């Protein structure tokens, strides 16, 4: 069996087992080995530990996020709005694959695993630095309020809808109330741009 195939198989089975059991702490390396139809010794040819597998799963997911923007090329407000929509389209992706990966990231973050800091740094580089940069650009060219703190607003723009998504998709909120995600995204962008143009009143 080819090495790449086996590695991919181990990672997929690990993610599936965590989703099935509800917690990464509830599965053992033996469970993963059984799921791929091999011995633990075989599995350890590819990964040093369960933690090593989980870290690899998260890094694969993070590196596949479609959140890279040509910052300096976005010079029109309409282009900035389109980029914000793309960020929210990703944030509200409720596919099984994304739900499982976000759930895993939440779990490792609560345990303060080093990979959670790596994920945070990637978000900083991919999303927040882009939004901050364009807010500062907007103060010069799009009549954004100069009193707005671009660092705070960039993070609030991302984390407010992310927490909304987590409550709905991962914590069972959809079983209690339903929301039109397209309307949520539209409302969030309208409110965000209102803050940027009217100031934060502080």
N, C-alpha and C. Protein backbone atom coordinates (compact mmCIF):
# COMPACT_ATOMS: atom_id res chain seq x y z
N UNK A 1 0.84 -1.20 0.00
CA UNK A 1 0.00 0.00 0.00
C UNK A 1 0.88 1.25 0.00
N UNK A 2 0.57 2.20 -0.87
CA UNK A 2 1.40 3.38 -0.99
C UNK A 2 1.34 4.23 0.28
N UNK A 3 2.48 4.84 0.60
CA UNK A 3 2.62 5.62 1.82
C UNK A 3 1.60 6.76 1.90
N UNK A 4 1.47 7.53 0.82
CA UNK A 4 0.55 8.68 0.84
C UNK A 4 -0.89 8.24 1.08
N UNK A 5 -1.26 7.12 0.47
CA UNK A 5 -2.62 6.61 0.65
C UNK A 5 -2.86 6.22 2.10
N UNK A 6 -1.89 5.55 2.71
CA UNK A 6 -2.04 5.10 4.09
C UNK A 6 -2.11 6.29 5.04
N UNK A 7 -1.28 7.29 4.81
CA UNK A 7 -1.30 8.49 5.66
C UNK A 7 -2.65 9.18 5.57
N UNK A 8 -3.15 9.32 4.35
CA UNK A 8 -4.46 9.96 4.15
C UNK A 8 -5.56 9.14 4.82
N UNK A 9 -5.46 7.83 4.71
CA UNK A 9 -6.45 6.94 5.32
C UNK A 9 -6.46 7.09 6.84
N UNK A 10 -5.30 7.15 7.44
CA UNK A 10 -5.20 7.30 8.90
C UNK A 10 -5.84 8.61 9.35
N UNK A 11 -5.55 9.68 8.63
CA UNK A 11 -6.08 10.99 9.02
C UNK A 11 -7.60 11.04 8.87
N UNK A 12 -8.11 10.50 7.78
CA UNK A 12 -9.55 10.51 7.57
C UNK A 12 -10.28 9.66 8.61
N UNK A 13 -9.75 8.49 8.90
CA UNK A 13 -10.37 7.62 9.90
C UNK A 13 -10.33 8.25 11.28
N UNK A 14 -9.24 8.94 11.58
CA UNK A 14 -9.13 9.60 12.88
C UNK A 14 -10.19 10.68 13.02
N UNK A 15 -10.35 11.49 12.00
CA UNK A 15 -11.36 12.55 12.03
C UNK A 15 -12.76 11.96 12.15
N UNK A 16 -13.02 10.88 11.43
CA UNK A 16 -14.32 10.23 11.49
C UNK A 16 -14.60 9.66 12.88
N UNK A 17 -13.59 9.05 13.48
CA UNK A 17 -13.76 8.47 14.82
C UNK A 17 -14.02 9.55 15.86
N UNK A 18 -13.32 10.66 15.75
CA UNK A 18 -13.52 11.76 16.69
C UNK A 18 -14.94 12.30 16.56
N UNK A 19 -15.40 12.45 15.32
CA UNK A 19 -16.77 12.93 15.09
C UNK A 19 -17.79 11.95 15.64
N UNK A 20 -17.55 10.66 15.44
CA UNK A 20 -18.48 9.63 15.89
C UNK A 20 -18.55 9.55 17.42
N UNK A 21 -17.40 9.71 18.07
CA UNK A 21 -17.34 9.60 19.53
C UNK A 21 -17.55 10.92 20.25
N UNK A 22 -17.46 12.02 19.51
CA UNK A 22 -17.73 13.33 20.10
C UNK A 22 -16.56 13.97 20.80
N UNK A 23 -15.43 13.29 20.87
CA UNK A 23 -14.27 13.85 21.57
C UNK A 23 -13.00 13.17 21.11
N UNK A 24 -11.95 13.96 20.96
CA UNK A 24 -10.67 13.38 20.56
C UNK A 24 -10.06 12.57 21.71
N UNK A 25 -10.48 12.86 22.95
CA UNK A 25 -9.94 12.13 24.10
C UNK A 25 -10.51 10.72 24.21
N UNK A 26 -11.64 10.49 23.52
CA UNK A 26 -12.32 9.20 23.68
C UNK A 26 -11.80 8.12 22.75
N UNK A 27 -10.89 8.46 21.85
CA UNK A 27 -10.35 7.45 20.95
C UNK A 27 -8.89 7.16 21.27
N UNK A 28 -8.48 5.93 20.99
CA UNK A 28 -7.11 5.49 21.24
C UNK A 28 -6.43 5.17 19.91
N UNK A 29 -5.13 5.08 19.94
CA UNK A 29 -4.41 4.71 18.72
C UNK A 29 -4.85 3.32 18.26
N UNK A 30 -5.21 2.47 19.20
CA UNK A 30 -5.69 1.13 18.84
C UNK A 30 -6.98 1.23 18.04
N UNK A 31 -7.86 2.17 18.41
CA UNK A 31 -9.11 2.37 17.69
C UNK A 31 -8.84 2.81 16.25
N UNK A 32 -7.87 3.68 16.09
CA UNK A 32 -7.52 4.17 14.75
C UNK A 32 -6.95 3.03 13.92
N UNK A 33 -6.08 2.24 14.53
CA UNK A 33 -5.48 1.10 13.82
C UNK A 33 -6.56 0.11 13.38
N UNK A 34 -7.51 -0.16 14.26
CA UNK A 34 -8.61 -1.07 13.91
C UNK A 34 -9.43 -0.51 12.75
N UNK A 35 -9.62 0.80 12.76
CA UNK A 35 -10.44 1.44 11.72
C UNK A 35 -9.80 1.34 10.34
N UNK A 36 -8.47 1.30 10.30
CA UNK A 36 -7.80 1.19 8.99
C UNK A 36 -7.44 -0.26 8.67
N UNK A 37 -7.80 -1.17 9.58
CA UNK A 37 -7.53 -2.58 9.35
C UNK A 37 -6.07 -2.94 9.42
N UNK A 38 -5.37 -2.32 10.37
CA UNK A 38 -3.93 -2.58 10.51
C UNK A 38 -3.57 -2.61 11.99
N UNK A 39 -2.33 -2.92 12.27
CA UNK A 39 -1.86 -2.94 13.65
C UNK A 39 -1.39 -1.55 14.06
N UNK A 40 -1.27 -1.35 15.38
CA UNK A 40 -0.73 -0.07 15.86
C UNK A 40 0.70 0.11 15.37
N UNK A 41 1.44 -0.98 15.29
CA UNK A 41 2.82 -0.90 14.82
C UNK A 41 2.88 -0.35 13.40
N UNK A 42 1.93 -0.78 12.57
CA UNK A 42 1.87 -0.27 11.20
C UNK A 42 1.57 1.22 11.19
N UNK A 43 0.62 1.63 12.03
CA UNK A 43 0.24 3.04 12.10
C UNK A 43 1.41 3.91 12.55
N UNK A 44 2.21 3.39 13.49
CA UNK A 44 3.33 4.16 14.02
C UNK A 44 4.49 4.27 13.03
N UNK A 45 4.37 3.61 11.90
CA UNK A 45 5.36 3.81 10.84
C UNK A 45 5.18 5.19 10.20
N UNK A 46 3.96 5.73 10.36
CA UNK A 46 3.62 6.99 9.69
C UNK A 46 3.47 8.16 10.65
N UNK A 47 3.05 7.88 11.87
CA UNK A 47 2.85 8.92 12.87
C UNK A 47 3.41 8.47 14.22
N UNK A 48 3.92 9.42 14.98
CA UNK A 48 4.52 9.08 16.28
C UNK A 48 3.48 8.87 17.37
N UNK A 49 2.31 9.51 17.23
CA UNK A 49 1.30 9.45 18.29
C UNK A 49 -0.05 9.92 17.75
N UNK A 50 -1.07 9.78 18.58
CA UNK A 50 -2.39 10.29 18.21
C UNK A 50 -2.33 11.81 18.06
N UNK A 51 -1.60 12.46 18.95
CA UNK A 51 -1.47 13.92 18.88
C UNK A 51 -0.83 14.35 17.56
N UNK A 52 0.11 13.56 17.09
CA UNK A 52 0.78 13.83 15.81
C UNK A 52 -0.22 13.74 14.65
N UNK A 53 -1.10 12.76 14.72
CA UNK A 53 -2.13 12.60 13.68
C UNK A 53 -3.07 13.79 13.69
N UNK A 54 -3.55 14.15 14.87
CA UNK A 54 -4.50 15.26 15.01
C UNK A 54 -3.89 16.56 14.50
N UNK A 55 -2.65 16.79 14.84
CA UNK A 55 -1.98 18.00 14.37
C UNK A 55 -1.89 18.02 12.84
N UNK A 56 -1.61 16.88 12.25
CA UNK A 56 -1.52 16.79 10.79
C UNK A 56 -2.88 17.03 10.14
N UNK A 57 -3.95 16.50 10.75
CA UNK A 57 -5.30 16.71 10.24
C UNK A 57 -5.64 18.20 10.22
N UNK A 58 -5.35 18.87 11.32
CA UNK A 58 -5.67 20.30 11.43
C UNK A 58 -4.84 21.13 10.45
N UNK A 59 -3.58 20.81 10.32
CA UNK A 59 -2.73 21.58 9.40
C UNK A 59 -3.18 21.41 7.95
N UNK A 60 -3.61 20.20 7.59
CA UNK A 60 -4.13 19.98 6.24
C UNK A 60 -5.35 20.87 6.00
N UNK A 61 -6.23 20.91 6.98
CA UNK A 61 -7.46 21.70 6.85
C UNK A 61 -7.15 23.19 6.75
N UNK A 62 -6.31 23.67 7.65
CA UNK A 62 -5.98 25.10 7.68
C UNK A 62 -5.32 25.53 6.37
N UNK A 63 -4.41 24.71 5.87
CA UNK A 63 -3.70 25.07 4.65
C UNK A 63 -4.58 25.00 3.40
N UNK A 64 -5.75 24.37 3.53
CA UNK A 64 -6.66 24.29 2.39
C UNK A 64 -7.70 25.41 2.39
N UNK A 65 -7.69 26.25 3.43
CA UNK A 65 -8.69 27.32 3.51
C UNK A 65 -8.51 28.32 2.38
N UNK A 66 -9.61 28.67 1.69
CA UNK A 66 -9.52 29.61 0.56
C UNK A 66 -9.57 31.05 1.02
N UNK A 67 -8.61 31.45 1.84
CA UNK A 67 -8.69 32.78 2.45
C UNK A 67 -7.48 33.66 2.14
N UNK A 68 -6.87 33.44 1.01
CA UNK A 68 -5.76 34.29 0.61
C UNK A 68 -6.25 35.33 -0.39
N UNK A 69 -5.98 36.59 -0.11
CA UNK A 69 -6.47 37.66 -0.96
C UNK A 69 -5.31 38.52 -1.47
N UNK A 70 -5.41 38.98 -2.73
CA UNK A 70 -4.38 39.88 -3.28
C UNK A 70 -4.58 41.29 -2.73
N UNK A 71 -4.13 41.50 -1.51
CA UNK A 71 -4.45 42.71 -0.75
C UNK A 71 -4.28 43.99 -1.56
N UNK A 72 -3.11 44.20 -2.11
CA UNK A 72 -2.82 45.47 -2.78
C UNK A 72 -3.61 45.66 -4.07
N UNK A 73 -4.18 44.57 -4.60
CA UNK A 73 -4.95 44.67 -5.84
C UNK A 73 -6.40 45.07 -5.58
N UNK A 74 -6.82 45.00 -4.33
CA UNK A 74 -8.20 45.36 -3.99
C UNK A 74 -8.24 46.84 -3.65
N UNK A 75 -8.60 47.63 -4.65
CA UNK A 75 -8.56 49.09 -4.50
C UNK A 75 -9.93 49.74 -4.60
N UNK A 76 -10.96 48.94 -4.86
CA UNK A 76 -12.32 49.46 -4.94
C UNK A 76 -13.13 48.91 -3.77
N UNK A 77 -14.03 49.72 -3.25
CA UNK A 77 -14.85 49.29 -2.12
C UNK A 77 -15.68 48.06 -2.47
N UNK A 78 -16.15 48.00 -3.70
CA UNK A 78 -16.93 46.84 -4.14
C UNK A 78 -16.11 45.56 -4.09
N UNK A 79 -14.83 45.66 -4.42
CA UNK A 79 -13.94 44.49 -4.36
C UNK A 79 -13.73 44.06 -2.92
N UNK A 80 -13.63 45.03 -2.03
CA UNK A 80 -13.48 44.73 -0.60
C UNK A 80 -14.72 44.01 -0.08
N UNK A 81 -15.90 44.46 -0.50
CA UNK A 81 -17.14 43.81 -0.09
C UNK A 81 -17.18 42.37 -0.59
N UNK A 82 -16.73 42.15 -1.83
CA UNK A 82 -16.70 40.79 -2.38
C UNK A 82 -15.79 39.89 -1.55
N UNK A 83 -14.65 40.43 -1.13
CA UNK A 83 -13.72 39.65 -0.31
C UNK A 83 -14.35 39.32 1.04
N UNK A 84 -15.07 40.27 1.62
CA UNK A 84 -15.75 40.03 2.89
C UNK A 84 -16.80 38.93 2.74
N UNK A 85 -17.50 38.95 1.61
CA UNK A 85 -18.49 37.90 1.34
C UNK A 85 -17.81 36.53 1.24
N UNK A 86 -16.64 36.47 0.62
CA UNK A 86 -15.93 35.20 0.49
C UNK A 86 -15.52 34.67 1.86
N UNK A 87 -15.09 35.57 2.73
CA UNK A 87 -14.72 35.17 4.09
C UNK A 87 -15.94 34.58 4.80
N UNK A 88 -17.08 35.23 4.66
CA UNK A 88 -18.29 34.75 5.33
C UNK A 88 -18.84 33.49 4.67
N UNK A 89 -18.68 33.37 3.36
CA UNK A 89 -19.10 32.12 2.70
C UNK A 89 -18.34 30.95 3.30
N UNK A 90 -17.06 31.16 3.55
CA UNK A 90 -16.25 30.10 4.17
C UNK A 90 -16.69 29.89 5.62
N UNK A 91 -16.90 30.98 6.35
CA UNK A 91 -17.27 30.88 7.76
C UNK A 91 -18.56 30.09 7.95
N UNK A 92 -19.52 30.29 7.05
CA UNK A 92 -20.81 29.63 7.18
C UNK A 92 -20.93 28.35 6.35
N UNK A 93 -19.81 27.82 5.91
CA UNK A 93 -19.81 26.52 5.25
C UNK A 93 -20.17 25.47 6.30
N UNK A 94 -21.34 24.87 6.16
CA UNK A 94 -21.81 23.91 7.17
C UNK A 94 -21.70 22.47 6.69
N UNK A 95 -20.78 22.22 5.77
CA UNK A 95 -20.57 20.85 5.30
C UNK A 95 -20.06 19.97 6.43
N UNK A 96 -20.28 18.68 6.30
CA UNK A 96 -19.84 17.74 7.33
C UNK A 96 -18.33 17.84 7.53
N UNK A 97 -17.59 17.95 6.44
CA UNK A 97 -16.13 18.03 6.52
C UNK A 97 -15.70 19.23 7.35
N UNK A 98 -16.30 20.39 7.09
CA UNK A 98 -15.89 21.58 7.84
C UNK A 98 -16.33 21.50 9.29
N UNK A 99 -17.55 21.05 9.53
CA UNK A 99 -18.03 20.93 10.91
C UNK A 99 -17.10 20.06 11.75
N UNK A 100 -16.65 18.97 11.16
CA UNK A 100 -15.77 18.05 11.89
C UNK A 100 -14.42 18.70 12.19
N UNK A 101 -13.89 19.41 11.22
CA UNK A 101 -12.59 20.05 11.42
C UNK A 101 -12.67 21.20 12.42
N UNK A 102 -13.72 22.00 12.34
CA UNK A 102 -13.87 23.10 13.29
C UNK A 102 -14.07 22.56 14.70
N UNK A 103 -14.85 21.50 14.82
CA UNK A 103 -15.05 20.87 16.13
C UNK A 103 -13.71 20.42 16.71
N UNK A 104 -12.87 19.85 15.87
CA UNK A 104 -11.55 19.39 16.33
C UNK A 104 -10.68 20.58 16.74
N UNK A 105 -10.72 21.66 15.97
CA UNK A 105 -9.94 22.85 16.31
C UNK A 105 -10.41 23.43 17.64
N UNK A 106 -11.72 23.45 17.86
CA UNK A 106 -12.25 23.94 19.14
C UNK A 106 -11.71 23.09 20.29
N UNK A 107 -11.69 21.78 20.10
CA UNK A 107 -11.20 20.88 21.15
C UNK A 107 -9.73 21.12 21.47
N UNK A 108 -8.89 21.23 20.45
CA UNK A 108 -7.46 21.43 20.72
C UNK A 108 -7.20 22.82 21.27
N UNK A 109 -8.03 23.79 20.87
CA UNK A 109 -7.86 25.15 21.38
C UNK A 109 -8.18 25.21 22.87
N UNK A 110 -9.22 24.50 23.29
CA UNK A 110 -9.58 24.48 24.70
C UNK A 110 -8.48 23.84 25.55
N UNK A 111 -7.72 22.95 24.92
CA UNK A 111 -6.60 22.31 25.62
C UNK A 111 -5.29 23.08 25.46
N UNK A 112 -5.38 24.21 24.74
CA UNK A 112 -4.21 25.07 24.51
C UNK A 112 -3.06 24.31 23.85
N UNK A 113 -3.42 23.44 22.93
CA UNK A 113 -2.42 22.70 22.17
C UNK A 113 -1.66 23.68 21.27
N UNK A 114 -0.36 23.50 21.08
CA UNK A 114 0.43 24.41 20.24
C UNK A 114 -0.13 24.62 18.84
N UNK A 115 -0.80 23.61 18.28
CA UNK A 115 -1.33 23.76 16.93
C UNK A 115 -2.44 24.81 16.88
N UNK A 116 -3.10 25.06 18.02
CA UNK A 116 -4.13 26.10 18.04
C UNK A 116 -3.51 27.48 17.87
N UNK A 117 -2.32 27.67 18.42
CA UNK A 117 -1.62 28.95 18.23
C UNK A 117 -1.15 29.09 16.79
N UNK A 118 -0.75 27.98 16.20
CA UNK A 118 -0.36 27.98 14.79
C UNK A 118 -1.56 28.37 13.92
N UNK A 119 -2.73 27.84 14.24
CA UNK A 119 -3.95 28.18 13.51
C UNK A 119 -4.26 29.66 13.67
N UNK A 120 -4.11 30.17 14.88
CA UNK A 120 -4.38 31.59 15.14
C UNK A 120 -3.46 32.47 14.30
N UNK A 121 -2.19 32.09 14.24
CA UNK A 121 -1.22 32.86 13.46
C UNK A 121 -1.59 32.84 11.98
N UNK A 122 -2.08 31.71 11.50
CA UNK A 122 -2.50 31.63 10.10
C UNK A 122 -3.69 32.54 9.83
N UNK A 123 -4.64 32.57 10.75
CA UNK A 123 -5.78 33.48 10.59
C UNK A 123 -5.31 34.93 10.59
N UNK A 124 -4.35 35.21 11.44
CA UNK A 124 -3.80 36.57 11.49
C UNK A 124 -3.18 36.95 10.14
N UNK A 125 -2.43 36.02 9.57
CA UNK A 125 -1.76 36.30 8.30
C UNK A 125 -2.73 36.33 7.13
N UNK A 126 -3.72 35.43 7.13
CA UNK A 126 -4.61 35.29 5.99
C UNK A 126 -5.77 36.29 6.00
N UNK A 127 -6.37 36.47 7.17
CA UNK A 127 -7.63 37.22 7.23
C UNK A 127 -7.46 38.59 7.88
N UNK A 128 -6.99 38.60 9.12
CA UNK A 128 -7.00 39.86 9.85
C UNK A 128 -6.06 40.89 9.27
N UNK A 129 -4.88 40.47 8.85
CA UNK A 129 -3.94 41.43 8.27
C UNK A 129 -4.52 42.04 6.99
N UNK A 130 -5.23 41.20 6.22
CA UNK A 130 -5.88 41.70 5.00
C UNK A 130 -6.95 42.74 5.33
N UNK A 131 -7.84 42.40 6.27
CA UNK A 131 -8.92 43.33 6.62
C UNK A 131 -8.35 44.61 7.23
N UNK A 132 -7.37 44.46 8.13
CA UNK A 132 -6.74 45.64 8.74
C UNK A 132 -6.15 46.54 7.66
N UNK A 133 -5.42 45.94 6.74
CA UNK A 133 -4.77 46.70 5.69
C UNK A 133 -5.78 47.48 4.85
N UNK A 134 -6.88 46.81 4.50
CA UNK A 134 -7.88 47.48 3.66
C UNK A 134 -8.70 48.51 4.44
N UNK A 135 -8.84 48.32 5.74
CA UNK A 135 -9.51 49.35 6.54
C UNK A 135 -8.65 50.62 6.55
N UNK A 136 -7.35 50.43 6.74
CA UNK A 136 -6.45 51.59 6.73
C UNK A 136 -6.44 52.25 5.35
N UNK A 137 -6.49 51.42 4.32
CA UNK A 137 -6.58 51.96 2.96
C UNK A 137 -7.90 52.73 2.79
N UNK A 138 -8.96 52.16 3.35
CA UNK A 138 -10.28 52.78 3.24
C UNK A 138 -10.37 54.13 3.95
N UNK A 139 -9.55 54.31 4.97
CA UNK A 139 -9.53 55.61 5.66
C UNK A 139 -9.02 56.70 4.72
N UNK A 140 -8.20 56.29 3.77
CA UNK A 140 -7.63 57.24 2.82
C UNK A 140 -8.48 57.38 1.55
N UNK A 141 -9.16 56.29 1.17
CA UNK A 141 -9.80 56.28 -0.15
C UNK A 141 -11.31 56.01 -0.15
N UNK A 142 -11.84 55.43 0.92
CA UNK A 142 -13.26 55.05 0.92
C UNK A 142 -14.07 55.77 2.00
N UNK A 143 -13.51 56.79 2.56
CA UNK A 143 -14.18 57.59 3.59
C UNK A 143 -14.49 56.79 4.85
N UNK A 144 -13.64 55.83 5.17
CA UNK A 144 -13.79 55.13 6.45
C UNK A 144 -13.38 56.08 7.57
N UNK A 145 -14.03 55.93 8.69
CA UNK A 145 -13.76 56.79 9.84
C UNK A 145 -12.34 56.52 10.37
N UNK A 146 -11.57 57.57 10.54
CA UNK A 146 -10.18 57.42 10.96
C UNK A 146 -10.04 56.99 12.42
N UNK A 147 -11.12 57.09 13.19
CA UNK A 147 -11.05 56.70 14.60
C UNK A 147 -11.22 55.19 14.81
N UNK A 148 -11.62 54.49 13.75
CA UNK A 148 -11.85 53.04 13.87
C UNK A 148 -10.54 52.31 14.13
N UNK A 149 -10.57 51.39 15.09
CA UNK A 149 -9.41 50.54 15.37
C UNK A 149 -9.46 49.35 14.42
N UNK A 150 -8.59 49.33 13.43
CA UNK A 150 -8.65 48.30 12.39
C UNK A 150 -8.35 46.90 12.94
N UNK A 151 -7.48 46.81 13.94
CA UNK A 151 -7.15 45.50 14.52
C UNK A 151 -8.34 44.88 15.22
N UNK A 152 -9.03 45.68 16.02
CA UNK A 152 -10.21 45.18 16.73
C UNK A 152 -11.31 44.81 15.75
N UNK A 153 -11.58 45.69 14.80
CA UNK A 153 -12.68 45.45 13.87
C UNK A 153 -12.42 44.24 12.97
N UNK A 154 -11.17 44.02 12.59
CA UNK A 154 -10.85 42.86 11.75
C UNK A 154 -11.18 41.56 12.48
N UNK A 155 -10.85 41.50 13.76
CA UNK A 155 -11.10 40.28 14.52
C UNK A 155 -12.58 40.11 14.85
N UNK A 156 -13.25 41.21 15.15
CA UNK A 156 -14.69 41.13 15.41
C UNK A 156 -15.44 40.69 14.16
N UNK A 157 -14.99 41.18 13.01
CA UNK A 157 -15.66 40.79 11.77
C UNK A 157 -15.62 39.28 11.58
N UNK A 158 -14.48 38.67 11.90
CA UNK A 158 -14.34 37.22 11.70
C UNK A 158 -14.98 36.41 12.82
N UNK A 159 -14.71 36.80 14.06
CA UNK A 159 -15.12 35.95 15.18
C UNK A 159 -16.61 36.03 15.52
N UNK A 160 -17.24 37.16 15.29
CA UNK A 160 -18.68 37.25 15.59
C UNK A 160 -19.48 36.22 14.79
N UNK A 161 -19.33 36.15 13.47
CA UNK A 161 -20.07 35.13 12.72
C UNK A 161 -19.57 33.71 12.98
N UNK A 162 -18.27 33.57 13.30
CA UNK A 162 -17.75 32.24 13.60
C UNK A 162 -18.42 31.68 14.86
N UNK A 163 -18.57 32.51 15.88
CA UNK A 163 -19.24 32.07 17.10
C UNK A 163 -20.72 31.76 16.83
N UNK A 164 -21.33 32.55 15.95
CA UNK A 164 -22.71 32.29 15.53
C UNK A 164 -22.80 30.91 14.88
N UNK A 165 -21.88 30.66 13.95
CA UNK A 165 -21.84 29.37 13.26
C UNK A 165 -21.62 28.21 14.24
N UNK A 166 -20.69 28.37 15.17
CA UNK A 166 -20.40 27.31 16.13
C UNK A 166 -21.62 27.01 16.99
N UNK A 167 -22.31 28.06 17.42
CA UNK A 167 -23.53 27.85 18.23
C UNK A 167 -24.59 27.10 17.44
N UNK A 168 -24.76 27.47 16.18
CA UNK A 168 -25.80 26.85 15.35
C UNK A 168 -25.43 25.42 14.93
N UNK A 169 -24.21 25.25 14.44
CA UNK A 169 -23.82 23.99 13.81
C UNK A 169 -23.24 22.96 14.78
N UNK A 170 -22.44 23.41 15.73
CA UNK A 170 -21.74 22.47 16.60
C UNK A 170 -22.40 22.29 17.96
N UNK A 171 -23.05 23.35 18.45
CA UNK A 171 -23.65 23.29 19.78
C UNK A 171 -25.16 23.09 19.76
N UNK A 172 -25.70 22.78 18.58
CA UNK A 172 -27.10 22.39 18.49
C UNK A 172 -28.12 23.50 18.41
N UNK A 173 -27.68 24.72 18.13
CA UNK A 173 -28.62 25.84 18.06
C UNK A 173 -29.68 25.67 16.98
N UNK A 174 -29.32 24.98 15.88
CA UNK A 174 -30.27 24.81 14.78
C UNK A 174 -31.48 23.97 15.18
N UNK A 175 -31.33 23.19 16.24
CA UNK A 175 -32.46 22.38 16.70
C UNK A 175 -33.48 23.24 17.44
N UNK A 176 -33.07 24.45 17.82
CA UNK A 176 -33.95 25.34 18.57
C UNK A 176 -34.51 26.45 17.69
N UNK A 177 -33.64 27.03 16.85
CA UNK A 177 -34.09 28.08 15.95
C UNK A 177 -33.27 28.05 14.67
N UNK A 178 -33.90 28.44 13.58
CA UNK A 178 -33.27 28.40 12.27
C UNK A 178 -33.03 29.83 11.76
N UNK A 179 -31.91 30.02 11.07
CA UNK A 179 -31.60 31.31 10.48
C UNK A 179 -31.17 31.11 9.02
N UNK A 180 -31.51 32.09 8.21
CA UNK A 180 -31.07 32.11 6.82
C UNK A 180 -29.65 32.66 6.82
N UNK A 181 -28.67 31.80 6.54
CA UNK A 181 -27.28 32.23 6.61
C UNK A 181 -26.96 33.34 5.60
N UNK A 182 -27.61 33.32 4.45
CA UNK A 182 -27.37 34.40 3.48
C UNK A 182 -27.79 35.75 4.07
N UNK A 183 -28.89 35.74 4.79
CA UNK A 183 -29.36 36.98 5.43
C UNK A 183 -28.42 37.39 6.55
N UNK A 184 -27.92 36.41 7.29
CA UNK A 184 -26.97 36.70 8.37
C UNK A 184 -25.71 37.34 7.80
N UNK A 185 -25.20 36.78 6.71
CA UNK A 185 -23.98 37.32 6.08
C UNK A 185 -24.21 38.74 5.58
N UNK A 186 -25.33 38.95 4.92
CA UNK A 186 -25.64 40.28 4.38
C UNK A 186 -25.75 41.30 5.51
N UNK A 187 -26.44 40.93 6.57
CA UNK A 187 -26.63 41.83 7.72
C UNK A 187 -25.29 42.16 8.37
N UNK A 188 -24.44 41.15 8.50
CA UNK A 188 -23.15 41.36 9.16
C UNK A 188 -22.28 42.33 8.36
N UNK A 189 -22.26 42.19 7.05
CA UNK A 189 -21.44 43.08 6.22
C UNK A 189 -21.99 44.50 6.25
N UNK A 190 -23.31 44.64 6.21
CA UNK A 190 -23.92 45.98 6.28
C UNK A 190 -23.53 46.66 7.59
N UNK A 191 -23.65 45.93 8.69
CA UNK A 191 -23.32 46.50 10.00
C UNK A 191 -21.83 46.82 10.11
N UNK A 192 -21.00 45.95 9.55
CA UNK A 192 -19.55 46.15 9.60
C UNK A 192 -19.16 47.43 8.85
N UNK A 193 -19.68 47.58 7.65
CA UNK A 193 -19.36 48.76 6.85
C UNK A 193 -19.93 50.03 7.48
N UNK A 194 -21.04 49.90 8.19
CA UNK A 194 -21.62 51.06 8.88
C UNK A 194 -20.67 51.52 9.99
N UNK A 195 -20.08 50.56 10.70
CA UNK A 195 -19.10 50.91 11.74
C UNK A 195 -17.90 51.61 11.12
N UNK A 196 -17.45 51.10 9.99
CA UNK A 196 -16.26 51.68 9.35
C UNK A 196 -16.51 53.08 8.82
N UNK A 197 -17.73 53.35 8.40
CA UNK A 197 -18.01 54.67 7.83
C UNK A 197 -18.52 55.68 8.86
N UNK A 198 -19.11 55.16 9.95
CA UNK A 198 -19.67 56.07 10.95
C UNK A 198 -18.82 56.16 12.21
N UNK A 199 -17.78 55.31 12.31
CA UNK A 199 -16.93 55.33 13.50
C UNK A 199 -17.47 54.41 14.57
N UNK A 200 -16.67 54.20 15.60
CA UNK A 200 -17.08 53.29 16.66
C UNK A 200 -17.65 54.02 17.87
N UNK A 201 -17.83 55.33 17.73
CA UNK A 201 -18.48 56.14 18.78
C UNK A 201 -17.81 56.00 20.13
N UNK A 202 -16.51 55.83 20.11
CA UNK A 202 -15.77 55.72 21.37
C UNK A 202 -14.84 56.91 21.54
